[in-house]
PDB file of N, CA and C in Angstrom:
ATOM      1  N   UNK A   1      24.370  33.254  -8.149  1.00  0.00           N
ATOM      2  CA  UNK A   1      24.327  31.832  -8.419  1.00  0.00           C
ATOM      3  C   UNK A   1      24.264  31.638  -9.935  1.00  0.00           C
ATOM      4  N   UNK A   2      25.101  30.774 -10.484  1.00  0.00           N
ATOM      5  CA  UNK A   2      25.064  30.541 -11.926  1.00  0.00           C
ATOM      6  C   UNK A   2      23.761  29.874 -12.351  1.00  0.00           C
ATOM      7  N   UNK A   3      23.341  30.175 -13.554  1.00  0.00           N
ATOM      8  CA  UNK A   3      22.132  29.553 -14.093  1.00  0.00           C
ATOM      9  C   UNK A   3      22.485  28.791 -15.351  1.00  0.00           C
ATOM     10  N   UNK A   4      21.626  27.854 -15.704  1.00  0.00           N
ATOM     11  CA  UNK A   4      21.777  27.077 -16.939  1.00  0.00           C
ATOM     12  C   UNK A   4      20.505  27.160 -17.740  1.00  0.00           C
ATOM     13  N   UNK A   5      20.653  27.377 -18.992  1.00  0.00           N
ATOM     14  CA  UNK A   5      19.502  27.344 -19.893  1.00  0.00           C
ATOM     15  C   UNK A   5      19.445  25.959 -20.508  1.00  0.00           C
ATOM     16  N   UNK A   6      18.277  25.352 -20.417  1.00  0.00           N
ATOM     17  CA  UNK A   6      18.110  24.027 -21.007  1.00  0.00           C
ATOM     18  C   UNK A   6      16.871  24.030 -21.882  1.00  0.00           C
ATOM     19  N   UNK A   7      16.844  23.162 -22.841  1.00  0.00           N
ATOM     20  CA  UNK A   7      15.681  22.981 -23.702  1.00  0.00           C
ATOM     21  C   UNK A   7      15.062  21.633 -23.372  1.00  0.00           C
ATOM     22  N   UNK A   8      13.807  21.678 -22.976  1.00  0.00           N
ATOM     23  CA  UNK A   8      13.099  20.444 -22.656  1.00  0.00           C
ATOM     24  C   UNK A   8      12.385  19.915 -23.892  1.00  0.00           C
ATOM     25  N   UNK A   9      12.228  18.612 -23.918  1.00  0.00           N
ATOM     26  CA  UNK A   9      11.400  18.043 -24.981  1.00  0.00           C
ATOM     27  C   UNK A   9       9.960  18.472 -24.739  1.00  0.00           C
ATOM     28  N   UNK A  10       9.146  18.420 -25.757  1.00  0.00           N
ATOM     29  CA  UNK A  10       7.737  18.795 -25.603  1.00  0.00           C
ATOM     30  C   UNK A  10       7.067  17.954 -24.527  1.00  0.00           C
ATOM     31  N   UNK A  11       7.424  16.669 -24.464  1.00  0.00           N
ATOM     32  CA  UNK A  11       6.824  15.766 -23.481  1.00  0.00           C
ATOM     33  C   UNK A  11       7.200  16.170 -22.053  1.00  0.00           C
ATOM     34  N   UNK A  12       8.479  16.478 -21.806  1.00  0.00           N
ATOM     35  CA  UNK A  12       8.894  16.888 -20.459  1.00  0.00           C
ATOM     36  C   UNK A  12       8.317  18.247 -20.096  1.00  0.00           C
ATOM     37  N   UNK A  13       8.258  19.145 -21.059  1.00  0.00           N
ATOM     38  CA  UNK A  13       7.675  20.457 -20.800  1.00  0.00           C
ATOM     39  C   UNK A  13       6.208  20.319 -20.406  1.00  0.00           C
ATOM     40  N   UNK A  14       5.462  19.479 -21.119  1.00  0.00           N
ATOM     41  CA  UNK A  14       4.048  19.250 -20.788  1.00  0.00           C
ATOM     42  C   UNK A  14       3.904  18.618 -19.416  1.00  0.00           C
ATOM     43  N   UNK A  15       4.819  17.707 -19.064  1.00  0.00           N
ATOM     44  CA  UNK A  15       4.781  17.057 -17.756  1.00  0.00           C
ATOM     45  C   UNK A  15       4.980  18.075 -16.632  1.00  0.00           C
ATOM     46  N   UNK A  16       5.947  18.956 -16.799  1.00  0.00           N
ATOM     47  CA  UNK A  16       6.216  19.971 -15.773  1.00  0.00           C
ATOM     48  C   UNK A  16       5.055  20.941 -15.663  1.00  0.00           C
ATOM     49  N   UNK A  17       4.520  21.371 -16.804  1.00  0.00           N
ATOM     50  CA  UNK A  17       3.384  22.288 -16.784  1.00  0.00           C
ATOM     51  C   UNK A  17       2.162  21.653 -16.132  1.00  0.00           C
ATOM     52  N   UNK A  18       1.923  20.378 -16.392  1.00  0.00           N
ATOM     53  CA  UNK A  18       0.758  19.727 -15.779  1.00  0.00           C
ATOM     54  C   UNK A  18       0.935  19.633 -14.270  1.00  0.00           C
ATOM     55  N   UNK A  19       2.155  19.419 -13.809  1.00  0.00           N
ATOM     56  CA  UNK A  19       2.423  19.398 -12.370  1.00  0.00           C
ATOM     57  C   UNK A  19       2.171  20.749 -11.730  1.00  0.00           C
ATOM     58  N   UNK A  20       2.529  21.818 -12.434  1.00  0.00           N
ATOM     59  CA  UNK A  20       2.295  23.163 -11.912  1.00  0.00           C
ATOM     60  C   UNK A  20       0.804  23.450 -11.846  1.00  0.00           C
ATOM     61  N   UNK A  21       0.056  23.011 -12.881  1.00  0.00           N
ATOM     62  CA  UNK A  21      -1.404  23.197 -12.861  1.00  0.00           C
ATOM     63  C   UNK A  21      -2.022  22.419 -11.707  1.00  0.00           C
ATOM     64  N   UNK A  22      -1.510  21.228 -11.453  1.00  0.00           N
ATOM     65  CA  UNK A  22      -2.037  20.412 -10.363  1.00  0.00           C
ATOM     66  C   UNK A  22      -1.811  21.101  -9.021  1.00  0.00           C
ATOM     67  N   UNK A  23      -0.639  21.703  -8.835  1.00  0.00           N
ATOM     68  CA  UNK A  23      -0.377  22.416  -7.587  1.00  0.00           C
ATOM     69  C   UNK A  23      -1.311  23.606  -7.417  1.00  0.00           C
ATOM     70  N   UNK A  24      -1.584  24.340  -8.505  1.00  0.00           N
ATOM     71  CA  UNK A  24      -2.519  25.470  -8.415  1.00  0.00           C
ATOM     72  C   UNK A  24      -3.926  24.985  -8.102  1.00  0.00           C
ATOM     73  N   UNK A  25      -4.315  23.849  -8.684  1.00  0.00           N
ATOM     74  CA  UNK A  25      -5.632  23.280  -8.414  1.00  0.00           C
ATOM     75  C   UNK A  25      -5.743  22.863  -6.951  1.00  0.00           C
ATOM     76  N   UNK A  26      -4.697  22.235  -6.434  1.00  0.00           N
ATOM     77  CA  UNK A  26      -4.705  21.834  -5.019  1.00  0.00           C
ATOM     78  C   UNK A  26      -4.805  23.048  -4.102  1.00  0.00           C
ATOM     79  N   UNK A  27      -4.077  24.107  -4.431  1.00  0.00           N
ATOM     80  CA  UNK A  27      -4.126  25.326  -3.617  1.00  0.00           C
ATOM     81  C   UNK A  27      -5.523  25.941  -3.650  1.00  0.00           C
ATOM     82  N   UNK A  28      -6.158  25.952  -4.824  1.00  0.00           N
ATOM     83  CA  UNK A  28      -7.509  26.503  -4.932  1.00  0.00           C
ATOM     84  C   UNK A  28      -8.509  25.662  -4.149  1.00  0.00           C
ATOM     85  N   UNK A  29      -8.353  24.342  -4.198  1.00  0.00           N
ATOM     86  CA  UNK A  29      -9.254  23.463  -3.448  1.00  0.00           C
ATOM     87  C   UNK A  29      -9.081  23.682  -1.952  1.00  0.00           C
ATOM     88  N   UNK A  30      -7.849  23.832  -1.510  1.00  0.00           N
ATOM     89  CA  UNK A  30      -7.602  24.068  -0.081  1.00  0.00           C
ATOM     90  C   UNK A  30      -8.192  25.404   0.348  1.00  0.00           C
ATOM     91  N   UNK A  31      -8.062  26.420  -0.487  1.00  0.00           N
ATOM     92  CA  UNK A  31      -8.631  27.727  -0.178  1.00  0.00           C
ATOM     93  C   UNK A  31     -10.148  27.633  -0.051  1.00  0.00           C
ATOM     94  N   UNK A  32     -10.775  26.877  -0.960  1.00  0.00           N
ATOM     95  CA  UNK A  32     -12.223  26.693  -0.897  1.00  0.00           C
ATOM     96  C   UNK A  32     -12.663  25.943   0.346  1.00  0.00           C
ATOM     97  N   UNK A  33     -11.911  24.914   0.722  1.00  0.00           N
ATOM     98  CA  UNK A  33     -12.241  24.153   1.936  1.00  0.00           C
ATOM     99  C   UNK A  33     -12.126  25.020   3.177  1.00  0.00           C
ATOM    100  N   UNK A  34     -11.096  25.864   3.219  1.00  0.00           N
ATOM    101  CA  UNK A  34     -10.932  26.760   4.366  1.00  0.00           C
ATOM    102  C   UNK A  34     -12.074  27.772   4.447  1.00  0.00           C
ATOM    103  N   UNK A  35     -12.483  28.311   3.304  1.00  0.00           N
ATOM    104  CA  UNK A  35     -13.604  29.251   3.284  1.00  0.00           C
ATOM    105  C   UNK A  35     -14.886  28.556   3.759  1.00  0.00           C
ATOM    106  N   UNK A  36     -15.086  27.318   3.330  1.00  0.00           N
ATOM    107  CA  UNK A  36     -16.253  26.547   3.755  1.00  0.00           C
ATOM    108  C   UNK A  36     -16.254  26.365   5.271  1.00  0.00           C
ATOM    109  N   UNK A  37     -15.100  26.012   5.829  1.00  0.00           N
ATOM    110  CA  UNK A  37     -15.005  25.829   7.294  1.00  0.00           C
ATOM    111  C   UNK A  37     -15.312  27.121   8.041  1.00  0.00           C
ATOM    112  N   UNK A  38     -14.966  28.259   7.438  1.00  0.00           N
ATOM    113  CA  UNK A  38     -15.237  29.557   8.074  1.00  0.00           C
ATOM    114  C   UNK A  38     -16.686  29.991   7.861  1.00  0.00           C
ATOM    115  N   UNK A  39     -17.432  29.244   7.070  1.00  0.00           N
ATOM    116  CA  UNK A  39     -18.826  29.595   6.808  1.00  0.00           C
ATOM    117  C   UNK A  39     -18.996  30.606   5.693  1.00  0.00           C
ATOM    118  N   UNK A  40     -17.962  30.787   4.885  1.00  0.00           N
ATOM    119  CA  UNK A  40     -18.010  31.753   3.790  1.00  0.00           C
ATOM    120  C   UNK A  40     -18.450  31.056   2.506  1.00  0.00           C
ATOM    121  N   UNK A  41     -19.747  30.804   2.408  1.00  0.00           N
ATOM    122  CA  UNK A  41     -20.281  30.153   1.217  1.00  0.00           C
ATOM    123  C   UNK A  41     -21.745  30.539   1.058  1.00  0.00           C
ATOM    124  N   UNK A  42     -22.259  30.280  -0.131  1.00  0.00           N
ATOM    125  CA  UNK A  42     -23.668  30.536  -0.415  1.00  0.00           C
ATOM    126  C   UNK A  42     -24.349  29.202  -0.658  1.00  0.00           C
ATOM    127  N   UNK A  43     -25.499  29.017  -0.052  1.00  0.00           N
ATOM    128  CA  UNK A  43     -26.288  27.803  -0.238  1.00  0.00           C
ATOM    129  C   UNK A  43     -27.254  28.063  -1.395  1.00  0.00           C
ATOM    130  N   UNK A  44     -27.024  27.403  -2.518  1.00  0.00           N
ATOM    131  CA  UNK A  44     -27.794  27.666  -3.735  1.00  0.00           C
ATOM    132  C   UNK A  44     -28.632  26.444  -4.083  1.00  0.00           C
ATOM    133  N   UNK A  45     -29.889  26.674  -4.336  1.00  0.00           N
ATOM    134  CA  UNK A  45     -30.783  25.585  -4.743  1.00  0.00           C
ATOM    135  C   UNK A  45     -30.383  25.103  -6.138  1.00  0.00           C
ATOM    136  N   UNK A  46     -30.517  23.809  -6.411  1.00  0.00           N
ATOM    137  CA  UNK A  46     -30.104  23.275  -7.715  1.00  0.00           C
ATOM    138  C   UNK A  46     -30.719  23.995  -8.913  1.00  0.00           C
ATOM    139  N   UNK A  47     -31.996  24.360  -8.815  1.00  0.00           N
ATOM    140  CA  UNK A  47     -32.639  25.022  -9.951  1.00  0.00           C
ATOM    141  C   UNK A  47     -32.126  26.451 -10.172  1.00  0.00           C
ATOM    142  N   UNK A  48     -31.453  27.027  -9.193  1.00  0.00           N
ATOM    143  CA  UNK A  48     -30.914  28.383  -9.323  1.00  0.00           C
ATOM    144  C   UNK A  48     -29.429  28.384  -9.694  1.00  0.00           C
ATOM    145  N   UNK A  49     -28.817  27.213  -9.782  1.00  0.00           N
ATOM    146  CA  UNK A  49     -27.380  27.130 -10.006  1.00  0.00           C
ATOM    147  C   UNK A  49     -26.960  27.718 -11.356  1.00  0.00           C
ATOM    148  N   UNK A  50     -27.643  27.404 -12.421  1.00  0.00           N
ATOM    149  CA  UNK A  50     -27.271  27.903 -13.747  1.00  0.00           C
ATOM    150  C   UNK A  50     -27.283  29.425 -13.799  1.00  0.00           C
ATOM    151  N   UNK A  51     -28.315  30.046 -13.249  1.00  0.00           N
ATOM    152  CA  UNK A  51     -28.381  31.516 -13.277  1.00  0.00           C
ATOM    153  C   UNK A  51     -27.314  32.126 -12.367  1.00  0.00           C
ATOM    154  N   UNK A  52     -27.004  31.472 -11.259  1.00  0.00           N
ATOM    155  CA  UNK A  52     -25.945  31.958 -10.370  1.00  0.00           C
ATOM    156  C   UNK A  52     -24.599  31.951 -11.090  1.00  0.00           C
ATOM    157  N   UNK A  53     -24.301  30.864 -11.783  1.00  0.00           N
ATOM    158  CA  UNK A  53     -23.043  30.769 -12.529  1.00  0.00           C
ATOM    159  C   UNK A  53     -23.011  31.810 -13.636  1.00  0.00           C
ATOM    160  N   UNK A  54     -24.116  31.993 -14.329  1.00  0.00           N
ATOM    161  CA  UNK A  54     -24.184  32.983 -15.399  1.00  0.00           C
ATOM    162  C   UNK A  54     -23.910  34.396 -14.874  1.00  0.00           C
ATOM    163  N   UNK A  55     -24.412  34.705 -13.676  1.00  0.00           N
ATOM    164  CA  UNK A  55     -24.206  36.041 -13.095  1.00  0.00           C
ATOM    165  C   UNK A  55     -22.790  36.227 -12.556  1.00  0.00           C
ATOM    166  N   UNK A  56     -22.224  35.196 -11.942  1.00  0.00           N
ATOM    167  CA  UNK A  56     -20.946  35.351 -11.233  1.00  0.00           C
ATOM    168  C   UNK A  56     -19.761  34.698 -11.904  1.00  0.00           C
ATOM    169  N   UNK A  57     -19.986  33.828 -12.842  1.00  0.00           N
ATOM    170  CA  UNK A  57     -18.890  33.090 -13.451  1.00  0.00           C
ATOM    171  C   UNK A  57     -17.854  33.963 -14.130  1.00  0.00           C
ATOM    172  N   UNK A  58     -18.269  34.910 -14.916  1.00  0.00           N
ATOM    173  CA  UNK A  58     -17.320  35.749 -15.653  1.00  0.00           C
ATOM    174  C   UNK A  58     -16.513  36.630 -14.712  1.00  0.00           C
ATOM    175  N   UNK A  59     -17.143  37.181 -13.665  1.00  0.00           N
ATOM    176  CA  UNK A  59     -16.410  38.058 -12.757  1.00  0.00           C
ATOM    177  C   UNK A  59     -15.441  37.290 -11.885  1.00  0.00           C
ATOM    178  N   UNK A  60     -15.700  36.014 -11.642  1.00  0.00           N
ATOM    179  CA  UNK A  60     -14.812  35.218 -10.796  1.00  0.00           C
ATOM    180  C   UNK A  60     -13.482  34.948 -11.477  1.00  0.00           C
ATOM    181  N   UNK A  61     -13.416  35.039 -12.790  1.00  0.00           N
ATOM    182  CA  UNK A  61     -12.189  34.759 -13.526  1.00  0.00           C
ATOM    183  C   UNK A  61     -11.232  35.937 -13.536  1.00  0.00           C
ATOM    184  N   UNK A  62     -11.633  37.082 -13.084  1.00  0.00           N
ATOM    185  CA  UNK A  62     -10.776  38.280 -13.120  1.00  0.00           C
ATOM    186  C   UNK A  62      -9.722  38.238 -12.075  1.00  0.00           C
TER     187      UNK A  62
END
């Protein structure tokens, strides 16, 4: 199939990229909702939330 190379304006490029980020965000939210429905979650008390994020936040980004 033939392809075409095009140059987008900065504004259109940002628009397309933001749409792609939105789709990834929606997919992540759906994955989280499905895990919640399956009971795959941790119930964390509000006062323990900061330390939980500090322990697990960096590893979750890998």
